[in-house]
Amino acid sequence: YGFGYDPIFYVPTHHCSSAELLPEIKNQLSHRGQALRALQVALQAIG
């Protein structure tokens, strides 16, 4: 999994590199995944 610099970024909470994470876990941790979840909450709040 992963691409580019993913093999050199260590994720201490999961004790592995970013490249070793499953895509689902990587999306949970990434700033893009966090932003998407925040957007979903905001959209649900306005109906």
N, C-alpha and C. Protein backbone atom coordinates (compact mmCIF):
# COMPACT_ATOMS: atom_id res chain seq x y z
N TYR A 1 0.84 -1.18 0.00
CA TYR A 1 0.00 0.00 0.00
C TYR A 1 0.88 1.24 0.00
N GLY A 2 0.28 2.34 -0.29
CA GLY A 2 1.01 3.59 -0.22
C GLY A 2 1.74 3.91 -1.50
N PHE A 3 2.33 5.09 -1.49
CA PHE A 3 3.10 5.53 -2.63
C PHE A 3 4.04 6.63 -2.19
N GLY A 4 4.94 7.01 -3.06
CA GLY A 4 5.84 8.13 -2.78
C GLY A 4 6.61 7.97 -1.49
N TYR A 5 6.41 8.89 -0.58
CA TYR A 5 7.15 8.92 0.67
C TYR A 5 6.51 8.09 1.78
N ASP A 6 5.42 7.42 1.52
CA ASP A 6 4.73 6.66 2.56
C ASP A 6 5.64 5.70 3.34
N PRO A 7 6.59 5.04 2.69
CA PRO A 7 7.44 4.11 3.45
C PRO A 7 8.30 4.77 4.52
N ILE A 8 8.56 6.07 4.42
CA ILE A 8 9.45 6.70 5.40
C ILE A 8 8.70 7.38 6.54
N PHE A 9 7.38 7.49 6.46
CA PHE A 9 6.61 8.12 7.53
C PHE A 9 6.12 7.06 8.51
N TYR A 10 6.64 7.14 9.73
CA TYR A 10 6.27 6.19 10.78
C TYR A 10 5.02 6.68 11.50
N VAL A 11 4.09 5.77 11.74
CA VAL A 11 2.85 6.08 12.44
C VAL A 11 2.94 5.42 13.82
N PRO A 12 3.34 6.19 14.84
CA PRO A 12 3.60 5.58 16.15
C PRO A 12 2.38 4.91 16.79
N THR A 13 1.19 5.41 16.51
CA THR A 13 0.00 4.80 17.11
C THR A 13 -0.27 3.40 16.56
N HIS A 14 0.26 3.12 15.38
CA HIS A 14 0.05 1.81 14.75
C HIS A 14 1.34 1.01 14.62
N HIS A 15 2.46 1.58 15.06
CA HIS A 15 3.75 0.90 15.07
C HIS A 15 4.16 0.37 13.70
N CYS A 16 3.94 1.20 12.67
CA CYS A 16 4.34 0.82 11.32
C CYS A 16 4.48 2.08 10.47
N SER A 17 4.93 1.89 9.24
CA SER A 17 5.03 3.04 8.34
C SER A 17 3.68 3.28 7.69
N SER A 18 3.54 4.45 7.12
CA SER A 18 2.30 4.81 6.43
C SER A 18 2.01 3.84 5.28
N ALA A 19 3.06 3.35 4.64
CA ALA A 19 2.89 2.43 3.52
C ALA A 19 2.32 1.09 3.96
N GLU A 20 2.49 0.73 5.22
CA GLU A 20 2.01 -0.56 5.71
C GLU A 20 0.56 -0.54 6.16
N LEU A 21 -0.02 0.63 6.26
CA LEU A 21 -1.41 0.74 6.72
C LEU A 21 -2.38 0.32 5.62
N LEU A 22 -3.46 -0.30 6.03
CA LEU A 22 -4.54 -0.58 5.08
C LEU A 22 -5.15 0.75 4.65
N PRO A 23 -5.65 0.82 3.42
CA PRO A 23 -6.23 2.09 2.95
C PRO A 23 -7.31 2.63 3.87
N GLU A 24 -8.12 1.77 4.47
CA GLU A 24 -9.19 2.23 5.35
C GLU A 24 -8.62 2.92 6.59
N ILE A 25 -7.56 2.36 7.15
CA ILE A 25 -6.93 2.95 8.33
C ILE A 25 -6.24 4.25 7.96
N LYS A 26 -5.56 4.24 6.83
CA LYS A 26 -4.86 5.45 6.38
C LYS A 26 -5.85 6.60 6.18
N ASN A 27 -7.02 6.30 5.64
CA ASN A 27 -8.04 7.34 5.45
C ASN A 27 -8.57 7.86 6.77
N GLN A 28 -8.67 6.99 7.77
CA GLN A 28 -9.13 7.44 9.09
C GLN A 28 -8.14 8.41 9.71
N LEU A 29 -6.86 8.19 9.47
CA LEU A 29 -5.82 9.00 10.10
C LEU A 29 -5.46 10.26 9.31
N SER A 30 -5.71 10.25 8.02
CA SER A 30 -5.26 11.35 7.17
C SER A 30 -6.07 12.63 7.38
N HIS A 31 -5.45 13.75 7.09
CA HIS A 31 -6.15 15.02 7.21
C HIS A 31 -7.31 15.10 6.22
N ARG A 32 -7.19 14.45 5.09
CA ARG A 32 -8.28 14.46 4.12
C ARG A 32 -9.47 13.66 4.63
N GLY A 33 -9.19 12.53 5.24
CA GLY A 33 -10.27 11.73 5.82
C GLY A 33 -10.96 12.46 6.95
N GLN A 34 -10.18 13.14 7.78
CA GLN A 34 -10.75 13.91 8.88
C GLN A 34 -11.61 15.06 8.35
N ALA A 35 -11.14 15.72 7.30
CA ALA A 35 -11.90 16.83 6.70
C ALA A 35 -13.20 16.32 6.09
N LEU A 36 -13.15 15.17 5.44
CA LEU A 36 -14.36 14.62 4.84
C LEU A 36 -15.40 14.27 5.90
N ARG A 37 -14.96 13.68 6.99
CA ARG A 37 -15.90 13.37 8.07
C ARG A 37 -16.50 14.63 8.68
N ALA A 38 -15.70 15.68 8.84
CA ALA A 38 -16.21 16.95 9.37
C ALA A 38 -17.21 17.56 8.40
N LEU A 39 -16.95 17.45 7.11
CA LEU A 39 -17.88 17.97 6.10
C LEU A 39 -19.20 17.21 6.15
N GLN A 40 -19.13 15.89 6.30
CA GLN A 40 -20.35 15.09 6.39
C GLN A 40 -21.20 15.51 7.59
N VAL A 41 -20.57 15.74 8.72
CA VAL A 41 -21.28 16.18 9.92
C VAL A 41 -21.93 17.54 9.68
N ALA A 42 -21.18 18.46 9.06
CA ALA A 42 -21.71 19.80 8.80
C ALA A 42 -22.89 19.75 7.83
N LEU A 43 -22.79 18.93 6.80
CA LEU A 43 -23.88 18.82 5.83
C LEU A 43 -25.12 18.20 6.46
N GLN A 44 -24.93 17.22 7.32
CA GLN A 44 -26.07 16.61 8.01
C GLN A 44 -26.74 17.61 8.95
N ALA A 45 -25.95 18.49 9.54
CA ALA A 45 -26.50 19.48 10.47
C ALA A 45 -27.39 20.50 9.77
N ILE A 46 -27.07 20.80 8.51
CA ILE A 46 -27.88 21.79 7.80
C ILE A 46 -29.01 21.14 7.00
N GLY A 47 -29.03 19.82 7.01
CA GLY A 47 -30.15 19.11 6.41
C GLY A 47 -29.90 18.69 5.03
